[in-house]
Amino acid sequence: MNIDASHLVLETDSPYLAPHPKRGKRNESSYLHYIASKLAEVKGKTIEEISEITTSNALKLYKF
């Protein structure tokens, strides 16, 4: 399944599933850059582009 980045937001709702290299630690918001970095790699975008897209998506979702 190929989901366009315009439909994605980043979150840390899985407290016991931290991203690599933080496995074994409690997940927290400060680890989002690991997720954004991997997503950028998968989507062929820069981390800055992914950050802008997912932040915009979250603002729309939560009506800010």
PDB file of N, CA and C in Angstrom:
ATOM      1  N   MET A   1       0.846  -1.163   0.000  1.00  0.00           N
ATOM      2  CA  MET A   1       0.000   0.000   0.000  1.00  0.00           C
ATOM      3  C   MET A   1       0.901   1.237   0.000  1.00  0.00           C
ATOM      4  N   ASN A   2       0.609   2.179  -0.841  1.00  0.00           N
ATOM      5  CA  ASN A   2       1.381   3.404  -0.929  1.00  0.00           C
ATOM      6  C   ASN A   2       0.501   4.569  -0.490  1.00  0.00           C
ATOM      7  N   ILE A   3       0.773   5.119   0.662  1.00  0.00           N
ATOM      8  CA  ILE A   3      -0.002   6.222   1.201  1.00  0.00           C
ATOM      9  C   ILE A   3       0.771   7.515   0.980  1.00  0.00           C
ATOM     10  N   ASP A   4       0.128   8.486   0.377  1.00  0.00           N
ATOM     11  CA  ASP A   4       0.763   9.769   0.128  1.00  0.00           C
ATOM     12  C   ASP A   4       1.061  10.478   1.450  1.00  0.00           C
ATOM     13  N   ALA A   5       2.176  11.183   1.501  1.00  0.00           N
ATOM     14  CA  ALA A   5       2.573  11.883   2.722  1.00  0.00           C
ATOM     15  C   ALA A   5       1.538  12.920   3.165  1.00  0.00           C
ATOM     16  N   SER A   6       0.718  13.388   2.256  1.00  0.00           N
ATOM     17  CA  SER A   6      -0.309  14.374   2.609  1.00  0.00           C
ATOM     18  C   SER A   6      -1.380  13.793   3.528  1.00  0.00           C
ATOM     19  N   HIS A   7      -1.332  12.487   3.772  1.00  0.00           N
ATOM     20  CA  HIS A   7      -2.298  11.822   4.648  1.00  0.00           C
ATOM     21  C   HIS A   7      -1.659  11.336   5.951  1.00  0.00           C
ATOM     22  N   LEU A   8      -0.419  11.736   6.229  1.00  0.00           N
ATOM     23  CA  LEU A   8       0.295  11.207   7.392  1.00  0.00           C
ATOM     24  C   LEU A   8       0.542  12.265   8.456  1.00  0.00           C
ATOM     25  N   VAL A   9       0.506  11.839   9.705  1.00  0.00           N
ATOM     26  CA  VAL A   9       0.954  12.650  10.834  1.00  0.00           C
ATOM     27  C   VAL A   9       1.921  11.782  11.643  1.00  0.00           C
ATOM     28  N   LEU A  10       2.758  12.407  12.423  1.00  0.00           N
ATOM     29  CA  LEU A  10       3.700  11.681  13.269  1.00  0.00           C
ATOM     30  C   LEU A  10       3.234  11.772  14.711  1.00  0.00           C
ATOM     31  N   GLU A  11       3.354  10.660  15.446  1.00  0.00           N
ATOM     32  CA  GLU A  11       2.910  10.642  16.838  1.00  0.00           C
ATOM     33  C   GLU A  11       3.693   9.590  17.612  1.00  0.00           C
ATOM     34  N   THR A  12       3.524   9.599  18.919  1.00  0.00           N
ATOM     35  CA  THR A  12       4.220   8.648  19.795  1.00  0.00           C
ATOM     36  C   THR A  12       3.225   7.910  20.667  1.00  0.00           C
ATOM     37  N   ASP A  13       2.196   7.374  20.063  1.00  0.00           N
ATOM     38  CA  ASP A  13       1.119   6.732  20.806  1.00  0.00           C
ATOM     39  C   ASP A  13       1.484   5.327  21.284  1.00  0.00           C
ATOM     40  N   SER A  14       2.617   4.816  20.896  1.00  0.00           N
ATOM     41  CA  SER A  14       3.041   3.478  21.317  1.00  0.00           C
ATOM     42  C   SER A  14       4.159   3.625  22.350  1.00  0.00           C
ATOM     43  N   PRO A  15       3.810   3.710  23.626  1.00  0.00           N
ATOM     44  CA  PRO A  15       4.825   4.017  24.635  1.00  0.00           C
ATOM     45  C   PRO A  15       5.914   2.958  24.775  1.00  0.00           C
ATOM     46  N   TYR A  16       5.652   1.721  24.337  1.00  0.00           N
ATOM     47  CA  TYR A  16       6.651   0.663  24.492  1.00  0.00           C
ATOM     48  C   TYR A  16       7.209   0.192  23.166  1.00  0.00           C
ATOM     49  N   LEU A  17       7.062   1.014  22.117  1.00  0.00           N
ATOM     50  CA  LEU A  17       7.601   0.664  20.807  1.00  0.00           C
ATOM     51  C   LEU A  17       8.408   1.846  20.270  1.00  0.00           C
ATOM     52  N   ALA A  18       9.514   2.122  20.943  1.00  0.00           N
ATOM     53  CA  ALA A  18      10.387   3.225  20.541  1.00  0.00           C
ATOM     54  C   ALA A  18      11.109   2.853  19.242  1.00  0.00           C
ATOM     55  N   PRO A  19      11.435   3.860  18.423  1.00  0.00           N
ATOM     56  CA  PRO A  19      12.133   3.587  17.163  1.00  0.00           C
ATOM     57  C   PRO A  19      13.586   3.169  17.408  1.00  0.00           C
ATOM     58  N   HIS A  20      14.143   2.483  16.432  1.00  0.00           N
ATOM     59  CA  HIS A  20      15.564   2.169  16.472  1.00  0.00           C
ATOM     60  C   HIS A  20      16.303   3.488  16.379  1.00  0.00           C
ATOM     61  N   PRO A  21      17.244   3.854  17.119  1.00  0.00           N
ATOM     62  CA  PRO A  21      18.082   3.088  18.038  1.00  0.00           C
ATOM     63  C   PRO A  21      17.671   3.207  19.509  1.00  0.00           C
ATOM     64  N   LYS A  22      16.447   3.573  19.787  1.00  0.00           N
ATOM     65  CA  LYS A  22      15.989   3.763  21.162  1.00  0.00           C
ATOM     66  C   LYS A  22      15.169   2.583  21.673  1.00  0.00           C
ATOM     67  N   ARG A  23      15.212   1.448  20.966  1.00  0.00           N
ATOM     68  CA  ARG A  23      14.453   0.275  21.405  1.00  0.00           C
ATOM     69  C   ARG A  23      14.808  -0.087  22.835  1.00  0.00           C
ATOM     70  N   GLY A  24      13.806  -0.507  23.575  1.00  0.00           N
ATOM     71  CA  GLY A  24      14.006  -0.867  24.968  1.00  0.00           C
ATOM     72  C   GLY A  24      13.755   0.287  25.928  1.00  0.00           C
ATOM     73  N   LYS A  25      13.622   1.495  25.384  1.00  0.00           N
ATOM     74  CA  LYS A  25      13.307   2.654  26.209  1.00  0.00           C
ATOM     75  C   LYS A  25      11.854   3.034  25.974  1.00  0.00           C
ATOM     76  N   ARG A  26      11.292   3.777  26.884  1.00  0.00           N
ATOM     77  CA  ARG A  26       9.929   4.263  26.713  1.00  0.00           C
ATOM     78  C   ARG A  26       9.909   5.293  25.587  1.00  0.00           C
ATOM     79  N   ASN A  27       8.960   5.167  24.672  1.00  0.00           N
ATOM     80  CA  ASN A  27       8.844   6.079  23.542  1.00  0.00           C
ATOM     81  C   ASN A  27       8.450   7.465  24.028  1.00  0.00           C
ATOM     82  N   GLU A  28       8.974   8.491  23.368  1.00  0.00           N
ATOM     83  CA  GLU A  28       8.640   9.865  23.738  1.00  0.00           C
ATOM     84  C   GLU A  28       8.726  10.767  22.516  1.00  0.00           C
ATOM     85  N   SER A  29       8.144  11.938  22.621  1.00  0.00           N
ATOM     86  CA  SER A  29       8.064  12.874  21.494  1.00  0.00           C
ATOM     87  C   SER A  29       9.427  13.256  20.930  1.00  0.00           C
ATOM     88  N   SER A  30      10.429  13.294  21.760  1.00  0.00           N
ATOM     89  CA  SER A  30      11.757  13.702  21.270  1.00  0.00           C
ATOM     90  C   SER A  30      12.334  12.706  20.272  1.00  0.00           C
ATOM     91  N   TYR A  31      11.733  11.537  20.146  1.00  0.00           N
ATOM     92  CA  TYR A  31      12.205  10.533  19.179  1.00  0.00           C
ATOM     93  C   TYR A  31      11.554  10.678  17.809  1.00  0.00           C
ATOM     94  N   LEU A  32      10.639  11.627  17.644  1.00  0.00           N
ATOM     95  CA  LEU A  32       9.942  11.778  16.367  1.00  0.00           C
ATOM     96  C   LEU A  32      10.892  12.024  15.199  1.00  0.00           C
ATOM     97  N   HIS A  33      12.043  12.618  15.462  1.00  0.00           N
ATOM     98  CA  HIS A  33      12.972  12.868  14.364  1.00  0.00           C
ATOM     99  C   HIS A  33      13.478  11.561  13.744  1.00  0.00           C
ATOM    100  N   TYR A  34      13.532  10.476  14.532  1.00  0.00           N
ATOM    101  CA  TYR A  34      13.915   9.179  13.960  1.00  0.00           C
ATOM    102  C   TYR A  34      12.847   8.691  12.985  1.00  0.00           C
ATOM    103  N   ILE A  35      11.597   8.874  13.355  1.00  0.00           N
ATOM    104  CA  ILE A  35      10.483   8.465  12.501  1.00  0.00           C
ATOM    105  C   ILE A  35      10.449   9.335  11.250  1.00  0.00           C
ATOM    106  N   ALA A  36      10.598  10.638  11.419  1.00  0.00           N
ATOM    107  CA  ALA A  36      10.594  11.563  10.277  1.00  0.00           C
ATOM    108  C   ALA A  36      11.741  11.245   9.320  1.00  0.00           C
ATOM    109  N   SER A  37      12.893  10.914   9.853  1.00  0.00           N
ATOM    110  CA  SER A  37      14.055  10.589   9.028  1.00  0.00           C
ATOM    111  C   SER A  37      13.802   9.341   8.190  1.00  0.00           C
ATOM    112  N   LYS A  38      13.252   8.299   8.805  1.00  0.00           N
ATOM    113  CA  LYS A  38      12.963   7.059   8.074  1.00  0.00           C
ATOM    114  C   LYS A  38      11.868   7.296   7.046  1.00  0.00           C
ATOM    115  N   LEU A  39      10.849   8.048   7.410  1.00  0.00           N
ATOM    116  CA  LEU A  39       9.771   8.352   6.477  1.00  0.00           C
ATOM    117  C   LEU A  39      10.302   9.136   5.276  1.00  0.00           C
ATOM    118  N   ALA A  40      11.197  10.075   5.528  1.00  0.00           N
ATOM    119  CA  ALA A  40      11.808  10.839   4.435  1.00  0.00           C
ATOM    120  C   ALA A  40      12.562   9.905   3.487  1.00  0.00           C
ATOM    121  N   GLU A  41      13.292   8.969   4.053  1.00  0.00           N
ATOM    122  CA  GLU A  41      14.033   7.991   3.243  1.00  0.00           C
ATOM    123  C   GLU A  41      13.079   7.161   2.383  1.00  0.00           C
ATOM    124  N   VAL A  42      12.025   6.656   2.996  1.00  0.00           N
ATOM    125  CA  VAL A  42      11.061   5.807   2.293  1.00  0.00           C
ATOM    126  C   VAL A  42      10.330   6.581   1.192  1.00  0.00           C
ATOM    127  N   LYS A  43       9.976   7.838   1.478  1.00  0.00           N
ATOM    128  CA  LYS A  43       9.207   8.652   0.537  1.00  0.00           C
ATOM    129  C   LYS A  43      10.078   9.408  -0.462  1.00  0.00           C
ATOM    130  N   GLY A  44      11.405   9.340  -0.315  1.00  0.00           N
ATOM    131  CA  GLY A  44      12.293  10.039  -1.237  1.00  0.00           C
ATOM    132  C   GLY A  44      12.220  11.548  -1.089  1.00  0.00           C
ATOM    133  N   LYS A  45      12.060  12.004   0.153  1.00  0.00           N
ATOM    134  CA  LYS A  45      11.966  13.435   0.444  1.00  0.00           C
ATOM    135  C   LYS A  45      13.007  13.776   1.499  1.00  0.00           C
ATOM    136  N   THR A  46      13.201  15.071   1.729  1.00  0.00           N
ATOM    137  CA  THR A  46      14.100  15.481   2.803  1.00  0.00           C
ATOM    138  C   THR A  46      13.334  15.451   4.121  1.00  0.00           C
ATOM    139  N   ILE A  47      14.075  15.409   5.204  1.00  0.00           N
ATOM    140  CA  ILE A  47      13.426  15.429   6.515  1.00  0.00           C
ATOM    141  C   ILE A  47      12.691  16.756   6.720  1.00  0.00           C
ATOM    142  N   GLU A  48      13.212  17.818   6.124  1.00  0.00           N
ATOM    143  CA  GLU A  48      12.539  19.120   6.223  1.00  0.00           C
ATOM    144  C   GLU A  48      11.183  19.085   5.520  1.00  0.00           C
ATOM    145  N   GLU A  49      11.136  18.456   4.343  1.00  0.00           N
ATOM    146  CA  GLU A  49       9.860  18.337   3.617  1.00  0.00           C
ATOM    147  C   GLU A  49       8.863  17.513   4.414  1.00  0.00           C
ATOM    148  N   ILE A  50       9.316  16.396   4.971  1.00  0.00           N
ATOM    149  CA  ILE A  50       8.429  15.543   5.770  1.00  0.00           C
ATOM    150  C   ILE A  50       7.943  16.296   7.003  1.00  0.00           C
ATOM    151  N   SER A  51       8.824  17.034   7.645  1.00  0.00           N
ATOM    152  CA  SER A  51       8.430  17.816   8.827  1.00  0.00           C
ATOM    153  C   SER A  51       7.364  18.846   8.475  1.00  0.00           C
ATOM    154  N   GLU A  52       7.556  19.544   7.368  1.00  0.00           N
ATOM    155  CA  GLU A  52       6.570  20.546   6.940  1.00  0.00           C
ATOM    156  C   GLU A  52       5.235  19.896   6.605  1.00  0.00           C
ATOM    157  N   ILE A  53       5.273  18.804   5.855  1.00  0.00           N
ATOM    158  CA  ILE A  53       4.042  18.118   5.435  1.00  0.00           C
ATOM    159  C   ILE A  53       3.290  17.572   6.637  1.00  0.00           C
ATOM    160  N   THR A  54       3.977  16.847   7.516  1.00  0.00           N
ATOM    161  CA  THR A  54       3.279  16.212   8.640  1.00  0.00           C
ATOM    162  C   THR A  54       2.819  17.236   9.677  1.00  0.00           C
ATOM    163  N   THR A  55       3.562  18.327   9.838  1.00  0.00           N
ATOM    164  CA  THR A  55       3.110  19.381  10.741  1.00  0.00           C
ATOM    165  C   THR A  55       1.853  20.038  10.193  1.00  0.00           C
ATOM    166  N   SER A  56       1.844  20.328   8.908  1.00  0.00           N
ATOM    167  CA  SER A  56       0.661  20.904   8.263  1.00  0.00           C
ATOM    168  C   SER A  56      -0.538  19.962   8.398  1.00  0.00           C
ATOM    169  N   ASN A  57      -0.312  18.675   8.195  1.00  0.00           N
ATOM    170  CA  ASN A  57      -1.390  17.690   8.321  1.00  0.00           C
ATOM    171  C   ASN A  57      -1.955  17.666   9.738  1.00  0.00           C
ATOM    172  N   ALA A  58      -1.083  17.711  10.738  1.00  0.00           N
ATOM    173  CA  ALA A  58      -1.536  17.700  12.131  1.00  0.00           C
ATOM    174  C   ALA A  58      -2.327  18.960  12.459  1.00  0.00           C
ATOM    175  N   LEU A  59      -1.871  20.102  11.969  1.00  0.00           N
ATOM    176  CA  LEU A  59      -2.599  21.356  12.207  1.00  0.00           C
ATOM    177  C   LEU A  59      -3.988  21.314  11.581  1.00  0.00           C
ATOM    178  N   LYS A  60      -4.095  20.755  10.393  1.00  0.00           N
ATOM    179  CA  LYS A  60      -5.403  20.610   9.747  1.00  0.00           C
ATOM    180  C   LYS A  60      -6.285  19.630  10.526  1.00  0.00           C
ATOM    181  N   LEU A  61      -5.703  18.515  10.936  1.00  0.00           N
ATOM    182  CA  LEU A  61      -6.451  17.486  11.663  1.00  0.00           C
ATOM    183  C   LEU A  61      -7.039  18.040  12.956  1.00  0.00           C
ATOM    184  N   TYR A  62      -6.231  18.802  13.678  1.00  0.00           N
ATOM    185  CA  TYR A  62      -6.673  19.343  14.959  1.00  0.00           C
ATOM    186  C   TYR A  62      -7.244  20.754  14.837  1.00  0.00           C
ATOM    187  N   LYS A  63      -7.446  21.196  13.593  1.00  0.00           N
ATOM    188  CA  LYS A  63      -8.103  22.474  13.292  1.00  0.00           C
ATOM    189  C   LYS A  63      -7.427  23.688  13.934  1.00  0.00           C
ATOM    190  N   PHE A  64      -6.103  23.746  13.805  1.00  0.00           N
ATOM    191  CA  PHE A  64      -5.337  24.902  14.283  1.00  0.00           C
ATOM    192  C   PHE A  64      -5.109  25.863  13.163  1.00  0.00           C
TER     193      PHE A  64
END
